[in-house]
N, C-alpha and C. Protein backbone atom coordinates (compact mmCIF):
# COMPACT_ATOMS: atom_id res chain seq x y z
N MET A 1 -122.69 9.43 86.23
CA MET A 1 -123.22 10.76 86.35
C MET A 1 -122.25 11.61 87.17
N SER A 2 -121.97 12.80 86.69
CA SER A 2 -121.06 13.72 87.38
C SER A 2 -121.77 14.43 88.52
N LYS A 3 -121.01 14.70 89.56
CA LYS A 3 -121.53 15.50 90.67
C LYS A 3 -121.06 16.92 90.48
N PHE A 4 -121.89 17.86 90.85
CA PHE A 4 -121.49 19.25 90.81
C PHE A 4 -122.23 19.98 91.92
N THR A 5 -121.71 21.12 92.28
CA THR A 5 -122.29 21.95 93.33
C THR A 5 -122.77 23.25 92.70
N VAL A 6 -123.94 23.69 93.13
CA VAL A 6 -124.50 24.94 92.64
C VAL A 6 -124.56 25.92 93.82
N TYR A 7 -124.08 27.13 93.59
CA TYR A 7 -124.13 28.19 94.60
C TYR A 7 -125.06 29.28 94.07
N PHE A 8 -125.86 29.84 94.96
CA PHE A 8 -126.75 30.94 94.60
C PHE A 8 -126.36 32.17 95.39
N ALA A 9 -126.47 33.33 94.76
CA ALA A 9 -126.22 34.59 95.45
C ALA A 9 -127.30 35.57 95.03
N ARG A 10 -127.81 36.28 95.98
CA ARG A 10 -128.83 37.30 95.73
C ARG A 10 -128.15 38.59 95.29
N HIS A 11 -128.78 39.30 94.37
CA HIS A 11 -128.21 40.57 93.94
C HIS A 11 -128.20 41.57 95.09
N GLY A 12 -127.36 42.57 94.96
CA GLY A 12 -127.26 43.61 95.98
C GLY A 12 -128.47 44.53 95.97
N LEU A 13 -128.59 45.32 97.01
CA LEU A 13 -129.65 46.31 97.16
C LEU A 13 -129.67 47.20 95.92
N THR A 14 -130.86 47.46 95.40
CA THR A 14 -130.97 48.28 94.19
C THR A 14 -131.43 49.69 94.52
N THR A 15 -131.30 50.56 93.54
CA THR A 15 -131.77 51.93 93.70
C THR A 15 -133.28 51.96 93.94
N CYS A 16 -134.01 51.05 93.32
CA CYS A 16 -135.46 50.97 93.53
C CYS A 16 -135.79 50.46 94.92
N ASN A 17 -135.01 49.47 95.43
CA ASN A 17 -135.21 48.99 96.80
C ASN A 17 -135.12 50.15 97.79
N GLU A 18 -134.13 51.00 97.59
CA GLU A 18 -133.92 52.12 98.51
C GLU A 18 -135.08 53.10 98.49
N LYS A 19 -135.78 53.19 97.36
CA LYS A 19 -136.92 54.10 97.24
C LYS A 19 -138.23 53.43 97.59
N GLY A 20 -138.19 52.12 97.93
CA GLY A 20 -139.40 51.39 98.27
C GLY A 20 -140.25 51.04 97.06
N LEU A 21 -139.63 50.99 95.88
CA LEU A 21 -140.36 50.67 94.66
C LEU A 21 -140.22 49.20 94.31
N LEU A 22 -141.28 48.60 93.82
CA LEU A 22 -141.26 47.24 93.34
C LEU A 22 -141.08 47.31 91.82
N ARG A 23 -139.94 46.88 91.33
CA ARG A 23 -139.67 47.01 89.91
C ARG A 23 -139.63 45.67 89.18
N GLY A 24 -139.61 44.55 89.86
CA GLY A 24 -139.64 43.26 89.20
C GLY A 24 -138.53 43.08 88.19
N SER A 25 -138.88 42.85 86.94
CA SER A 25 -137.88 42.57 85.91
C SER A 25 -137.33 43.83 85.26
N ALA A 26 -137.76 45.00 85.71
CA ALA A 26 -137.26 46.24 85.13
C ALA A 26 -135.77 46.40 85.44
N GLY A 27 -135.11 47.28 84.74
CA GLY A 27 -133.66 47.42 84.82
C GLY A 27 -133.14 48.19 86.00
N ALA A 28 -133.49 47.81 87.21
CA ALA A 28 -132.97 48.49 88.40
C ALA A 28 -131.48 48.19 88.55
N LEU A 29 -130.73 49.21 88.91
CA LEU A 29 -129.29 49.07 89.09
C LEU A 29 -128.98 48.83 90.56
N VAL A 30 -127.85 48.16 90.82
CA VAL A 30 -127.39 47.98 92.18
C VAL A 30 -126.94 49.35 92.69
N SER A 31 -127.39 49.71 93.89
CA SER A 31 -127.05 51.00 94.47
C SER A 31 -125.63 50.97 95.05
N GLU A 32 -125.14 52.14 95.43
CA GLU A 32 -123.83 52.22 96.08
C GLU A 32 -123.82 51.36 97.34
N ALA A 33 -124.91 51.43 98.12
CA ALA A 33 -125.01 50.62 99.34
C ALA A 33 -125.01 49.14 98.99
N GLY A 34 -125.69 48.77 97.91
CA GLY A 34 -125.72 47.38 97.47
C GLY A 34 -124.36 46.87 97.03
N ARG A 35 -123.61 47.73 96.32
CA ARG A 35 -122.25 47.35 95.92
C ARG A 35 -121.36 47.20 97.15
N SER A 36 -121.49 48.12 98.08
CA SER A 36 -120.69 48.06 99.31
C SER A 36 -120.98 46.80 100.11
N GLU A 37 -122.26 46.44 100.23
CA GLU A 37 -122.60 45.26 101.03
C GLU A 37 -122.10 43.99 100.35
N ARG A 38 -122.14 43.91 99.04
CA ARG A 38 -121.63 42.73 98.35
C ARG A 38 -120.11 42.64 98.43
N LYS A 39 -119.44 43.78 98.33
CA LYS A 39 -117.98 43.80 98.48
C LYS A 39 -117.59 43.36 99.89
N GLU A 40 -118.37 43.78 100.88
CA GLU A 40 -118.11 43.38 102.27
C GLU A 40 -118.34 41.87 102.44
N LEU A 41 -119.39 41.35 101.83
CA LEU A 41 -119.62 39.89 101.88
C LEU A 41 -118.47 39.13 101.25
N LYS A 42 -117.99 39.65 100.13
CA LYS A 42 -116.86 39.00 99.45
C LYS A 42 -115.63 39.01 100.35
N ARG A 43 -115.44 40.10 101.08
CA ARG A 43 -114.30 40.20 101.98
C ARG A 43 -114.45 39.24 103.17
N LEU A 44 -115.67 39.12 103.70
CA LEU A 44 -115.90 38.30 104.89
C LEU A 44 -115.95 36.80 104.62
N TYR A 45 -116.48 36.43 103.47
CA TYR A 45 -116.66 35.02 103.15
C TYR A 45 -115.83 34.66 101.94
N SER A 46 -115.28 33.47 101.98
CA SER A 46 -114.49 33.04 100.82
C SER A 46 -115.42 32.37 99.82
N TYR A 47 -115.72 33.10 98.78
CA TYR A 47 -116.55 32.52 97.71
C TYR A 47 -115.71 31.49 96.97
N PRO A 48 -116.25 30.32 96.72
CA PRO A 48 -115.45 29.26 96.10
C PRO A 48 -115.11 29.59 94.64
N GLU A 49 -114.01 29.04 94.19
CA GLU A 49 -113.70 29.15 92.76
C GLU A 49 -114.74 28.32 92.02
N VAL A 50 -115.14 28.80 90.86
CA VAL A 50 -116.15 28.10 90.08
C VAL A 50 -115.66 27.89 88.65
N ASP A 51 -116.17 26.84 88.03
CA ASP A 51 -115.84 26.56 86.64
C ASP A 51 -116.75 27.32 85.69
N HIS A 52 -117.98 27.56 86.14
CA HIS A 52 -118.97 28.25 85.31
C HIS A 52 -119.69 29.28 86.17
N LEU A 53 -120.00 30.40 85.57
CA LEU A 53 -120.73 31.47 86.26
C LEU A 53 -121.92 31.85 85.40
N TYR A 54 -123.10 31.74 85.98
CA TYR A 54 -124.33 32.10 85.28
C TYR A 54 -125.01 33.21 86.07
N ALA A 55 -125.65 34.12 85.38
CA ALA A 55 -126.41 35.18 86.03
C ALA A 55 -127.61 35.51 85.15
N SER A 56 -128.67 35.92 85.80
CA SER A 56 -129.84 36.39 85.08
C SER A 56 -129.41 37.53 84.17
N PRO A 57 -130.14 37.77 83.07
CA PRO A 57 -129.81 38.91 82.22
C PRO A 57 -130.10 40.27 82.87
N ALA A 58 -130.77 40.28 84.02
CA ALA A 58 -131.06 41.54 84.71
C ALA A 58 -129.74 42.23 85.08
N ILE A 59 -129.66 43.51 84.83
CA ILE A 59 -128.44 44.28 85.07
C ILE A 59 -127.97 44.12 86.51
N ARG A 60 -128.90 44.17 87.47
CA ARG A 60 -128.52 44.07 88.88
C ARG A 60 -127.83 42.74 89.19
N CYS A 61 -128.24 41.69 88.50
CA CYS A 61 -127.64 40.37 88.72
C CYS A 61 -126.25 40.30 88.08
N ARG A 62 -126.11 40.87 86.90
CA ARG A 62 -124.80 40.91 86.23
C ARG A 62 -123.82 41.76 87.04
N GLU A 63 -124.30 42.88 87.59
CA GLU A 63 -123.44 43.73 88.41
C GLU A 63 -122.95 42.97 89.65
N THR A 64 -123.84 42.24 90.29
CA THR A 64 -123.49 41.47 91.48
C THR A 64 -122.50 40.37 91.14
N ALA A 65 -122.70 39.68 90.04
CA ALA A 65 -121.77 38.62 89.61
C ALA A 65 -120.37 39.22 89.39
N ALA A 66 -120.32 40.42 88.80
CA ALA A 66 -119.03 41.07 88.54
C ALA A 66 -118.31 41.42 89.85
N ILE A 67 -119.06 41.74 90.89
CA ILE A 67 -118.46 42.05 92.19
C ILE A 67 -117.93 40.78 92.84
N LEU A 68 -118.75 39.74 92.87
CA LEU A 68 -118.37 38.51 93.55
C LEU A 68 -117.32 37.70 92.79
N TYR A 69 -117.36 37.77 91.48
CA TYR A 69 -116.43 37.01 90.64
C TYR A 69 -115.82 37.91 89.59
N SER A 70 -115.03 38.89 90.04
CA SER A 70 -114.40 39.80 89.10
C SER A 70 -113.48 39.02 88.17
N GLY A 71 -113.48 39.42 86.93
CA GLY A 71 -112.65 38.73 85.94
C GLY A 71 -113.36 37.61 85.22
N MET A 72 -114.56 37.23 85.68
CA MET A 72 -115.34 36.19 85.01
C MET A 72 -116.56 36.83 84.37
N GLU A 73 -116.84 36.46 83.17
CA GLU A 73 -118.04 36.93 82.47
C GLU A 73 -119.11 35.85 82.60
N PRO A 74 -120.32 36.18 83.09
CA PRO A 74 -121.37 35.17 83.18
C PRO A 74 -121.69 34.58 81.81
N GLU A 75 -121.89 33.27 81.80
CA GLU A 75 -122.25 32.57 80.57
C GLU A 75 -123.76 32.71 80.34
N ASP A 76 -124.15 32.67 79.08
CA ASP A 76 -125.58 32.67 78.75
C ASP A 76 -126.18 31.31 79.06
N SER A 77 -127.41 31.31 79.49
CA SER A 77 -128.11 30.07 79.80
C SER A 77 -129.57 30.20 79.39
N PRO A 78 -130.12 29.16 78.79
CA PRO A 78 -131.54 29.21 78.43
C PRO A 78 -132.45 29.22 79.65
N TYR A 79 -131.91 28.91 80.83
CA TYR A 79 -132.72 28.89 82.04
C TYR A 79 -132.95 30.29 82.60
N PHE A 80 -132.16 31.25 82.14
CA PHE A 80 -132.32 32.64 82.57
C PHE A 80 -132.73 33.46 81.36
N GLN A 81 -134.02 33.60 81.16
CA GLN A 81 -134.52 34.40 80.05
C GLN A 81 -135.52 35.40 80.59
N SER A 82 -135.58 36.54 79.95
CA SER A 82 -136.54 37.55 80.39
C SER A 82 -137.96 37.05 80.21
N ASN A 83 -138.81 37.42 81.13
CA ASN A 83 -140.22 37.08 81.02
C ASN A 83 -140.88 38.21 80.23
N THR A 84 -141.09 37.99 78.93
CA THR A 84 -141.60 39.05 78.07
C THR A 84 -143.10 39.26 78.21
N ASN A 85 -143.78 38.40 78.94
CA ASN A 85 -145.23 38.56 79.10
C ASN A 85 -145.62 39.40 80.30
N ARG A 86 -144.65 39.85 81.07
CA ARG A 86 -144.95 40.60 82.27
C ARG A 86 -144.29 41.97 82.17
N HIS A 87 -145.06 42.99 82.40
CA HIS A 87 -144.57 44.36 82.29
C HIS A 87 -145.04 45.16 83.50
N MET A 88 -144.33 46.20 83.78
CA MET A 88 -144.76 47.10 84.84
C MET A 88 -145.74 48.11 84.25
N ALA A 89 -146.94 48.16 84.79
CA ALA A 89 -147.91 49.16 84.34
C ALA A 89 -147.57 50.49 85.00
N SER A 90 -147.21 50.46 86.26
CA SER A 90 -146.76 51.64 86.99
C SER A 90 -146.04 51.13 88.22
N ASP A 91 -145.44 52.01 88.98
CA ASP A 91 -144.76 51.58 90.19
C ASP A 91 -145.70 50.78 91.06
N ASN A 92 -145.23 49.62 91.51
CA ASN A 92 -145.98 48.75 92.43
C ASN A 92 -147.28 48.20 91.86
N ASP A 93 -147.47 48.18 90.55
CA ASP A 93 -148.70 47.68 89.97
C ASP A 93 -148.34 46.73 88.82
N TRP A 94 -148.57 45.43 89.02
CA TRP A 94 -148.24 44.46 87.97
C TRP A 94 -149.47 44.18 87.12
N ARG A 95 -149.24 43.92 85.87
CA ARG A 95 -150.31 43.42 85.02
C ARG A 95 -149.70 42.38 84.10
N ASP A 96 -150.48 41.43 83.68
CA ASP A 96 -150.02 40.38 82.79
C ASP A 96 -150.53 40.66 81.41
N SER A 97 -149.64 40.72 80.42
CA SER A 97 -150.06 41.04 79.06
C SER A 97 -150.33 39.81 78.22
N ALA A 98 -150.22 38.63 78.82
CA ALA A 98 -150.45 37.39 78.04
C ALA A 98 -151.92 37.10 77.93
């Protein structure tokens, strides 16, 4: 059995975070402040070279992956799929459509 290491990174601050909105799986973008903080983290910490890069299909996660690992395109994975049964009814109000 092969050994491998998995690293996790949280996406940067989003435009919705800055407004105090809970958007869940909606397409919130990483804000300027979020991009700046991730660039600063990349500068301060040496992120290891990786053989594979995976990111959630959420735009904010893809944006963060592009900052931390510029030049690498995240691979598709069946483990990161949109939850199609959950939708935002309104800001800060979740409902389950299943």
